[in-house]
PDB file of N, CA and C in Angstrom:
ATOM      1  N   MET A   1       5.939  15.439  -9.489  1.00  0.00           N
ATOM      2  CA  MET A   1       4.648  14.853  -9.786  1.00  0.00           C
ATOM      3  C   MET A   1       4.615  13.406  -9.303  1.00  0.00           C
ATOM      4  N   THR A   2       3.478  12.970  -8.854  1.00  0.00           N
ATOM      5  CA  THR A   2       3.287  11.602  -8.388  1.00  0.00           C
ATOM      6  C   THR A   2       3.106  10.673  -9.582  1.00  0.00           C
ATOM      7  N   ASP A   3       3.800   9.535  -9.547  1.00  0.00           N
ATOM      8  CA  ASP A   3       3.618   8.533 -10.595  1.00  0.00           C
ATOM      9  C   ASP A   3       2.229   7.926 -10.484  1.00  0.00           C
ATOM     10  N   ILE A   4       1.681   7.517 -11.601  1.00  0.00           N
ATOM     11  CA  ILE A   4       0.390   6.838 -11.636  1.00  0.00           C
ATOM     12  C   ILE A   4       0.667   5.342 -11.786  1.00  0.00           C
ATOM     13  N   ALA A   5       0.144   4.554 -10.865  1.00  0.00           N
ATOM     14  CA  ALA A   5       0.387   3.111 -10.866  1.00  0.00           C
ATOM     15  C   ALA A   5      -0.366   2.428 -12.001  1.00  0.00           C
ATOM     16  N   VAL A   6       0.184   1.344 -12.483  1.00  0.00           N
ATOM     17  CA  VAL A   6      -0.472   0.582 -13.542  1.00  0.00           C
ATOM     18  C   VAL A   6      -1.148  -0.679 -13.011  1.00  0.00           C
ATOM     19  N   THR A   7      -0.851  -1.051 -11.773  1.00  0.00           N
ATOM     20  CA  THR A   7      -1.539  -2.189 -11.160  1.00  0.00           C
ATOM     21  C   THR A   7      -2.484  -1.671 -10.085  1.00  0.00           C
ATOM     22  N   SER A   8      -3.481  -2.450  -9.773  1.00  0.00           N
ATOM     23  CA  SER A   8      -4.483  -2.017  -8.803  1.00  0.00           C
ATOM     24  C   SER A   8      -3.886  -1.962  -7.397  1.00  0.00           C
ATOM     25  N   PRO A   9      -4.436  -1.087  -6.553  1.00  0.00           N
ATOM     26  CA  PRO A   9      -3.971  -1.055  -5.163  1.00  0.00           C
ATOM     27  C   PRO A   9      -4.152  -2.402  -4.467  1.00  0.00           C
ATOM     28  N   VAL A  10      -5.215  -3.110  -4.765  1.00  0.00           N
ATOM     29  CA  VAL A  10      -5.447  -4.415  -4.133  1.00  0.00           C
ATOM     30  C   VAL A  10      -4.312  -5.369  -4.483  1.00  0.00           C
ATOM     31  N   GLU A  11      -3.945  -5.431  -5.739  1.00  0.00           N
ATOM     32  CA  GLU A  11      -2.862  -6.329  -6.142  1.00  0.00           C
ATOM     33  C   GLU A  11      -1.540  -5.908  -5.506  1.00  0.00           C
ATOM     34  N   ARG A  12      -1.242  -4.626  -5.509  1.00  0.00           N
ATOM     35  CA  ARG A  12       0.025  -4.168  -4.931  1.00  0.00           C
ATOM     36  C   ARG A  12       0.105  -4.493  -3.446  1.00  0.00           C
ATOM     37  N   ILE A  13      -0.979  -4.263  -2.716  1.00  0.00           N
ATOM     38  CA  ILE A  13      -0.979  -4.566  -1.282  1.00  0.00           C
ATOM     39  C   ILE A  13      -0.889  -6.076  -1.066  1.00  0.00           C
ATOM     40  N   ALA A  14      -1.623  -6.864  -1.836  1.00  0.00           N
ATOM     41  CA  ALA A  14      -1.570  -8.322  -1.697  1.00  0.00           C
ATOM     42  C   ALA A  14      -0.162  -8.842  -1.957  1.00  0.00           C
ATOM     43  N   ARG A  15       0.513  -8.278  -2.931  1.00  0.00           N
ATOM     44  CA  ARG A  15       1.886  -8.688  -3.225  1.00  0.00           C
ATOM     45  C   ARG A  15       2.830  -8.340  -2.071  1.00  0.00           C
ATOM     46  N   VAL A  16       2.645  -7.184  -1.476  1.00  0.00           N
ATOM     47  CA  VAL A  16       3.488  -6.792  -0.339  1.00  0.00           C
ATOM     48  C   VAL A  16       3.250  -7.718   0.849  1.00  0.00           C
ATOM     49  N   ILE A  17       1.996  -8.047   1.109  1.00  0.00           N
ATOM     50  CA  ILE A  17       1.684  -8.964   2.207  1.00  0.00           C
ATOM     51  C   ILE A  17       2.343 -10.319   1.962  1.00  0.00           C
ATOM     52  N   ALA A  18       2.234 -10.821   0.742  1.00  0.00           N
ATOM     53  CA  ALA A  18       2.851 -12.104   0.408  1.00  0.00           C
ATOM     54  C   ALA A  18       4.370 -12.027   0.535  1.00  0.00           C
ATOM     55  N   ALA A  19       4.959 -10.957   0.036  1.00  0.00           N
ATOM     56  CA  ALA A  19       6.412 -10.810   0.111  1.00  0.00           C
ATOM     57  C   ALA A  19       6.887 -10.711   1.556  1.00  0.00           C
ATOM     58  N   GLU A  20       6.135 -10.012   2.385  1.00  0.00           N
ATOM     59  CA  GLU A  20       6.496  -9.878   3.805  1.00  0.00           C
ATOM     60  C   GLU A  20       6.554 -11.255   4.467  1.00  0.00           C
ATOM     61  N   ALA A  21       5.632 -12.123   4.106  1.00  0.00           N
ATOM     62  CA  ALA A  21       5.592 -13.455   4.711  1.00  0.00           C
ATOM     63  C   ALA A  21       6.723 -14.355   4.211  1.00  0.00           C
ATOM     64  N   LEU A  22       7.173 -14.126   2.987  1.00  0.00           N
ATOM     65  CA  LEU A  22       8.149 -15.023   2.369  1.00  0.00           C
ATOM     66  C   LEU A  22       9.596 -14.529   2.440  1.00  0.00           C
ATOM     67  N   SER A  23       9.793 -13.241   2.394  1.00  0.00           N
ATOM     68  CA  SER A  23      11.125 -12.660   2.221  1.00  0.00           C
ATOM     69  C   SER A  23      11.937 -12.611   3.498  1.00  0.00           C
ATOM     70  N   ILE A  24      13.229 -12.768   3.340  1.00  0.00           N
ATOM     71  CA  ILE A  24      14.157 -12.625   4.455  1.00  0.00           C
ATOM     72  C   ILE A  24      14.124 -11.193   5.002  1.00  0.00           C
ATOM     73  N   ASN A  25      13.676 -10.247   4.171  1.00  0.00           N
ATOM     74  CA  ASN A  25      13.533  -8.859   4.617  1.00  0.00           C
ATOM     75  C   ASN A  25      12.288  -8.671   5.472  1.00  0.00           C
ATOM     76  N   GLY A  26      11.452  -9.683   5.540  1.00  0.00           N
ATOM     77  CA  GLY A  26      10.245  -9.660   6.362  1.00  0.00           C
ATOM     78  C   GLY A  26      10.314 -10.781   7.384  1.00  0.00           C
ATOM     79  N   GLU A  27       9.296 -11.622   7.360  1.00  0.00           N
ATOM     80  CA  GLU A  27       9.228 -12.728   8.315  1.00  0.00           C
ATOM     81  C   GLU A  27       9.731 -14.047   7.742  1.00  0.00           C
ATOM     82  N   GLY A  28      10.032 -14.084   6.457  1.00  0.00           N
ATOM     83  CA  GLY A  28      10.426 -15.328   5.806  1.00  0.00           C
ATOM     84  C   GLY A  28      11.921 -15.567   5.808  1.00  0.00           C
ATOM     85  N   GLN A  29      12.324 -16.554   5.027  1.00  0.00           N
ATOM     86  CA  GLN A  29      13.724 -16.966   4.960  1.00  0.00           C
ATOM     87  C   GLN A  29      14.338 -16.820   3.573  1.00  0.00           C
ATOM     88  N   ASP A  30      13.528 -16.547   2.570  1.00  0.00           N
ATOM     89  CA  ASP A  30      13.977 -16.542   1.180  1.00  0.00           C
ATOM     90  C   ASP A  30      14.554 -15.181   0.798  1.00  0.00           C
ATOM     91  N   PRO A  31      15.794 -15.141   0.274  1.00  0.00           N
ATOM     92  CA  PRO A  31      16.372 -13.858  -0.129  1.00  0.00           C
ATOM     93  C   PRO A  31      15.836 -13.327  -1.459  1.00  0.00           C
ATOM     94  N   SER A  32      15.170 -14.157  -2.242  1.00  0.00           N
ATOM     95  CA  SER A  32      14.638 -13.732  -3.539  1.00  0.00           C
ATOM     96  C   SER A  32      13.256 -14.357  -3.740  1.00  0.00           C
ATOM     97  N   VAL A  33      12.195 -13.545  -3.577  1.00  0.00           N
ATOM     98  CA  VAL A  33      10.844 -14.105  -3.545  1.00  0.00           C
ATOM     99  C   VAL A  33       9.965 -13.709  -4.730  1.00  0.00           C
ATOM    100  N   GLY A  34      10.518 -13.066  -5.727  1.00  0.00           N
ATOM    101  CA  GLY A  34       9.706 -12.567  -6.835  1.00  0.00           C
ATOM    102  C   GLY A  34       8.792 -13.610  -7.460  1.00  0.00           C
ATOM    103  N   SER A  35       9.333 -14.759  -7.844  1.00  0.00           N
ATOM    104  CA  SER A  35       8.492 -15.772  -8.489  1.00  0.00           C
ATOM    105  C   SER A  35       7.519 -16.409  -7.501  1.00  0.00           C
ATOM    106  N   ALA A  36       7.929 -16.544  -6.250  1.00  0.00           N
ATOM    107  CA  ALA A  36       7.028 -17.101  -5.234  1.00  0.00           C
ATOM    108  C   ALA A  36       5.858 -16.154  -4.999  1.00  0.00           C
ATOM    109  N   VAL A  37       6.121 -14.859  -4.956  1.00  0.00           N
ATOM    110  CA  VAL A  37       5.050 -13.880  -4.778  1.00  0.00           C
ATOM    111  C   VAL A  37       4.095 -13.937  -5.962  1.00  0.00           C
ATOM    112  N   ASP A  38       4.641 -14.056  -7.172  1.00  0.00           N
ATOM    113  CA  ASP A  38       3.786 -14.178  -8.366  1.00  0.00           C
ATOM    114  C   ASP A  38       2.818 -15.346  -8.237  1.00  0.00           C
ATOM    115  N   ALA A  39       3.259 -16.406  -7.583  1.00  0.00           N
ATOM    116  CA  ALA A  39       2.443 -17.616  -7.466  1.00  0.00           C
ATOM    117  C   ALA A  39       1.400 -17.545  -6.363  1.00  0.00           C
ATOM    118  N   VAL A  40       1.607 -16.699  -5.336  1.00  0.00           N
ATOM    119  CA  VAL A  40       0.721 -16.755  -4.165  1.00  0.00           C
ATOM    120  C   VAL A  40      -0.004 -15.458  -3.817  1.00  0.00           C
ATOM    121  N   TRP A  41       0.285 -14.363  -4.488  1.00  0.00           N
ATOM    122  CA  TRP A  41      -0.279 -13.081  -4.053  1.00  0.00           C
ATOM    123  C   TRP A  41      -1.802 -13.068  -4.045  1.00  0.00           C
ATOM    124  N   GLU A  42      -2.433 -13.811  -4.943  1.00  0.00           N
ATOM    125  CA  GLU A  42      -3.894 -13.801  -5.009  1.00  0.00           C
ATOM    126  C   GLU A  42      -4.538 -14.351  -3.732  1.00  0.00           C
ATOM    127  N   ALA A  43      -3.801 -15.161  -2.977  1.00  0.00           N
ATOM    128  CA  ALA A  43      -4.316 -15.675  -1.710  1.00  0.00           C
ATOM    129  C   ALA A  43      -4.398 -14.579  -0.646  1.00  0.00           C
ATOM    130  N   GLU A  44      -3.776 -13.442  -0.903  1.00  0.00           N
ATOM    131  CA  GLU A  44      -3.762 -12.331   0.055  1.00  0.00           C
ATOM    132  C   GLU A  44      -4.723 -11.204  -0.316  1.00  0.00           C
ATOM    133  N   VAL A  45      -5.544 -11.412  -1.334  1.00  0.00           N
ATOM    134  CA  VAL A  45      -6.458 -10.362  -1.798  1.00  0.00           C
ATOM    135  C   VAL A  45      -7.430  -9.934  -0.692  1.00  0.00           C
ATOM    136  N   ALA A  46      -7.966 -10.858   0.056  1.00  0.00           N
ATOM    137  CA  ALA A  46      -8.918 -10.495   1.116  1.00  0.00           C
ATOM    138  C   ALA A  46      -8.259  -9.590   2.156  1.00  0.00           C
ATOM    139  N   ARG A  47      -7.029  -9.876   2.509  1.00  0.00           N
ATOM    140  CA  ARG A  47      -6.311  -9.015   3.453  1.00  0.00           C
ATOM    141  C   ARG A  47      -6.053  -7.637   2.846  1.00  0.00           C
ATOM    142  N   ALA A  48      -5.710  -7.616   1.582  1.00  0.00           N
ATOM    143  CA  ALA A  48      -5.461  -6.343   0.903  1.00  0.00           C
ATOM    144  C   ALA A  48      -6.715  -5.484   0.887  1.00  0.00           C
ATOM    145  N   VAL A  49      -7.846  -6.091   0.602  1.00  0.00           N
ATOM    146  CA  VAL A  49      -9.117  -5.359   0.606  1.00  0.00           C
ATOM    147  C   VAL A  49      -9.409  -4.832   2.013  1.00  0.00           C
ATOM    148  N   ALA A  50      -9.131  -5.626   3.020  1.00  0.00           N
ATOM    149  CA  ALA A  50      -9.348  -5.185   4.402  1.00  0.00           C
ATOM    150  C   ALA A  50      -8.480  -3.969   4.725  1.00  0.00           C
ATOM    151  N   VAL A  51      -7.253  -3.965   4.254  1.00  0.00           N
ATOM    152  CA  VAL A  51      -6.374  -2.813   4.474  1.00  0.00           C
ATOM    153  C   VAL A  51      -6.958  -1.575   3.823  1.00  0.00           C
ATOM    154  N   LEU A  52      -7.388  -1.695   2.575  1.00  0.00           N
ATOM    155  CA  LEU A  52      -7.959  -0.534   1.882  1.00  0.00           C
ATOM    156  C   LEU A  52      -9.239  -0.049   2.540  1.00  0.00           C
ATOM    157  N   LYS A  53     -10.039  -0.960   3.045  1.00  0.00           N
ATOM    158  CA  LYS A  53     -11.278  -0.553   3.709  1.00  0.00           C
ATOM    159  C   LYS A  53     -10.990   0.301   4.936  1.00  0.00           C
ATOM    160  N   THR A  54      -9.884   0.048   5.607  1.00  0.00           N
ATOM    161  CA  THR A  54      -9.551   0.852   6.787  1.00  0.00           C
ATOM    162  C   THR A  54      -9.149   2.268   6.415  1.00  0.00           C
ATOM    163  N   LEU A  55      -8.753   2.475   5.177  1.00  0.00           N
ATOM    164  CA  LEU A  55      -8.329   3.813   4.735  1.00  0.00           C
ATOM    165  C   LEU A  55      -9.493   4.679   4.259  1.00  0.00           C
ATOM    166  N   ARG A  56     -10.702   4.152   4.309  1.00  0.00           N
ATOM    167  CA  ARG A  56     -11.853   4.947   3.861  1.00  0.00           C
ATOM    168  C   ARG A  56     -12.080   6.158   4.739  1.00  0.00           C
ATOM    169  N   GLU A  57     -11.753   6.075   6.012  1.00  0.00           N
ATOM    170  CA  GLU A  57     -11.918   7.203   6.923  1.00  0.00           C
ATOM    171  C   GLU A  57     -10.541   7.751   7.259  1.00  0.00           C
ATOM    172  N   PRO A  58     -10.204   8.913   6.705  1.00  0.00           N
ATOM    173  CA  PRO A  58      -8.875   9.470   6.962  1.00  0.00           C
ATOM    174  C   PRO A  58      -8.775  10.068   8.359  1.00  0.00           C
ATOM    175  N   THR A  59      -7.562  10.125   8.877  1.00  0.00           N
ATOM    176  CA  THR A  59      -7.305  10.807  10.138  1.00  0.00           C
ATOM    177  C   THR A  59      -7.264  12.312   9.872  1.00  0.00           C
ATOM    178  N   SER A  60      -7.267  13.088  10.917  1.00  0.00           N
ATOM    179  CA  SER A  60      -7.186  14.542  10.738  1.00  0.00           C
ATOM    180  C   SER A  60      -5.862  14.933  10.093  1.00  0.00           C
ATOM    181  N   GLU A  61      -4.790  14.204  10.396  1.00  0.00           N
ATOM    182  CA  GLU A  61      -3.496  14.487   9.757  1.00  0.00           C
ATOM    183  C   GLU A  61      -3.555  14.221   8.254  1.00  0.00           C
ATOM    184  N   MET A  62      -4.254  13.175   7.875  1.00  0.00           N
ATOM    185  CA  MET A  62      -4.392  12.874   6.454  1.00  0.00           C
ATOM    186  C   MET A  62      -5.199  13.952   5.740  1.00  0.00           C
ATOM    187  N   VAL A  63      -6.267  14.404   6.370  1.00  0.00           N
ATOM    188  CA  VAL A  63      -7.101  15.451   5.770  1.00  0.00           C
ATOM    189  C   VAL A  63      -6.284  16.721   5.576  1.00  0.00           C
ATOM    190  N   GLU A  64      -5.538  17.106   6.583  1.00  0.00           N
ATOM    191  CA  GLU A  64      -4.717  18.319   6.476  1.00  0.00           C
ATOM    192  C   GLU A  64      -3.652  18.179   5.389  1.00  0.00           C
ATOM    193  N   ALA A  65      -3.032  17.015   5.308  1.00  0.00           N
ATOM    194  CA  ALA A  65      -2.033  16.778   4.259  1.00  0.00           C
ATOM    195  C   ALA A  65      -2.673  16.860   2.887  1.00  0.00           C
ATOM    196  N   GLY A  66      -3.879  16.333   2.740  1.00  0.00           N
ATOM    197  CA  GLY A  66      -4.593  16.409   1.468  1.00  0.00           C
ATOM    198  C   GLY A  66      -4.915  17.839   1.087  1.00  0.00           C
ATOM    199  N   ARG A  67      -5.362  18.627   2.055  1.00  0.00           N
ATOM    200  CA  ARG A  67      -5.658  20.038   1.788  1.00  0.00           C
ATOM    201  C   ARG A  67      -4.414  20.794   1.339  1.00  0.00           C
ATOM    202  N   ALA A  68      -3.292  20.483   1.964  1.00  0.00           N
ATOM    203  CA  ALA A  68      -2.041  21.183   1.652  1.00  0.00           C
ATOM    204  C   ALA A  68      -1.438  20.748   0.322  1.00  0.00           C
ATOM    205  N   ALA A  69      -1.890  19.635  -0.214  1.00  0.00           N
ATOM    206  CA  ALA A  69      -1.287  19.081  -1.429  1.00  0.00           C
ATOM    207  C   ALA A  69      -1.744  19.762  -2.708  1.00  0.00           C
ATOM    208  N   GLY A  70      -2.769  20.569  -2.655  1.00  0.00           N
ATOM    209  CA  GLY A  70      -3.226  21.255  -3.862  1.00  0.00           C
ATOM    210  C   GLY A  70      -4.460  20.628  -4.444  1.00  0.00           C
ATOM    211  N   SER A  71      -4.577  20.666  -5.769  1.00  0.00           N
ATOM    212  CA  SER A  71      -5.804  20.202  -6.422  1.00  0.00           C
ATOM    213  C   SER A  71      -5.628  18.948  -7.272  1.00  0.00           C
ATOM    214  N   ASN A  72      -4.418  18.459  -7.423  1.00  0.00           N
ATOM    215  CA  ASN A  72      -4.166  17.259  -8.215  1.00  0.00           C
ATOM    216  C   ASN A  72      -4.544  16.031  -7.388  1.00  0.00           C
ATOM    217  N   PRO A  73      -5.530  15.241  -7.810  1.00  0.00           N
ATOM    218  CA  PRO A  73      -5.962  14.081  -7.019  1.00  0.00           C
ATOM    219  C   PRO A  73      -4.840  13.104  -6.686  1.00  0.00           C
ATOM    220  N   ALA A  74      -3.930  12.880  -7.618  1.00  0.00           N
ATOM    221  CA  ALA A  74      -2.823  11.960  -7.353  1.00  0.00           C
ATOM    222  C   ALA A  74      -1.911  12.506  -6.260  1.00  0.00           C
ATOM    223  N   GLU A  75      -1.652  13.802  -6.283  1.00  0.00           N
ATOM    224  CA  GLU A  75      -0.813  14.420  -5.258  1.00  0.00           C
ATOM    225  C   GLU A  75      -1.519  14.419  -3.904  1.00  0.00           C
ATOM    226  N   ILE A  76      -2.827  14.640  -3.910  1.00  0.00           N
ATOM    227  CA  ILE A  76      -3.602  14.616  -2.667  1.00  0.00           C
ATOM    228  C   ILE A  76      -3.549  13.219  -2.058  1.00  0.00           C
ATOM    229  N   TRP A  77      -3.804  12.193  -2.864  1.00  0.00           N
ATOM    230  CA  TRP A  77      -3.763  10.809  -2.387  1.00  0.00           C
ATOM    231  C   TRP A  77      -2.392  10.487  -1.812  1.00  0.00           C
ATOM    232  N   ASN A  78      -1.337  10.846  -2.553  1.00  0.00           N
ATOM    233  CA  ASN A  78       0.024  10.572  -2.117  1.00  0.00           C
ATOM    234  C   ASN A  78       0.306  11.255  -0.784  1.00  0.00           C
ATOM    235  N   ALA A  79      -0.076  12.510  -0.663  1.00  0.00           N
ATOM    236  CA  ALA A  79       0.154  13.256   0.579  1.00  0.00           C
ATOM    237  C   ALA A  79      -0.601  12.637   1.744  1.00  0.00           C
ATOM    238  N   MET A  80      -1.826  12.213   1.504  1.00  0.00           N
ATOM    239  CA  MET A  80      -2.635  11.632   2.575  1.00  0.00           C
ATOM    240  C   MET A  80      -2.065  10.291   3.033  1.00  0.00           C
ATOM    241  N   VAL A  81      -1.630   9.463   2.104  1.00  0.00           N
ATOM    242  CA  VAL A  81      -1.051   8.177   2.476  1.00  0.00           C
ATOM    243  C   VAL A  81       0.272   8.395   3.188  1.00  0.00           C
ATOM    244  N   ARG A  82       1.094   9.324   2.694  1.00  0.00           N
ATOM    245  CA  ARG A  82       2.357   9.620   3.388  1.00  0.00           C
ATOM    246  C   ARG A  82       2.095  10.075   4.818  1.00  0.00           C
ATOM    247  N   ALA A  83       1.076  10.905   5.022  1.00  0.00           N
ATOM    248  CA  ALA A  83       0.729  11.354   6.374  1.00  0.00           C
ATOM    249  C   ALA A  83       0.341  10.178   7.255  1.00  0.00           C
ATOM    250  N   ALA A  84      -0.389   9.224   6.705  1.00  0.00           N
ATOM    251  CA  ALA A  84      -0.789   8.049   7.469  1.00  0.00           C
ATOM    252  C   ALA A  84       0.439   7.222   7.868  1.00  0.00           C
ATOM    253  N   VAL A  85       1.360   7.049   6.941  1.00  0.00           N
ATOM    254  CA  VAL A  85       2.561   6.264   7.218  1.00  0.00           C
ATOM    255  C   VAL A  85       3.449   6.992   8.218  1.00  0.00           C
ATOM    256  N   GLU A  86       3.608   8.280   8.050  1.00  0.00           N
ATOM    257  CA  GLU A  86       4.495   9.051   8.923  1.00  0.00           C
ATOM    258  C   GLU A  86       3.945   9.188  10.337  1.00  0.00           C
ATOM    259  N   SER A  87       2.639   9.088  10.504  1.00  0.00           N
ATOM    260  CA  SER A  87       2.071   9.233  11.848  1.00  0.00           C
ATOM    261  C   SER A  87       2.305   7.992  12.698  1.00  0.00           C
ATOM    262  N   TYR A  88       2.720   6.896  12.063  1.00  0.00           N
ATOM    263  CA  TYR A  88       2.966   5.668  12.785  1.00  0.00           C
ATOM    264  C   TYR A  88       4.371   5.691  13.280  1.00  0.00           C
TER     265      TYR A  88
END
């Protein structure tokens, strides 16, 4: 079963964008960015919204993955997003 998130997709994406910019695992230099991300993620909300807006129109691979996932909305969403990530 797919876990249900407790934070909004906008916040989660904004935090990832901020972490990517700050972390040594991304483009930054800091090996531990948790508190820095807490302080700056809200500055990335507009980018996060832009990312979500691009997902409004699924690809044919996403549609097929959603159909194959069954009737649980969380499983359908998960399958469609996985298809989008895997197609890259």
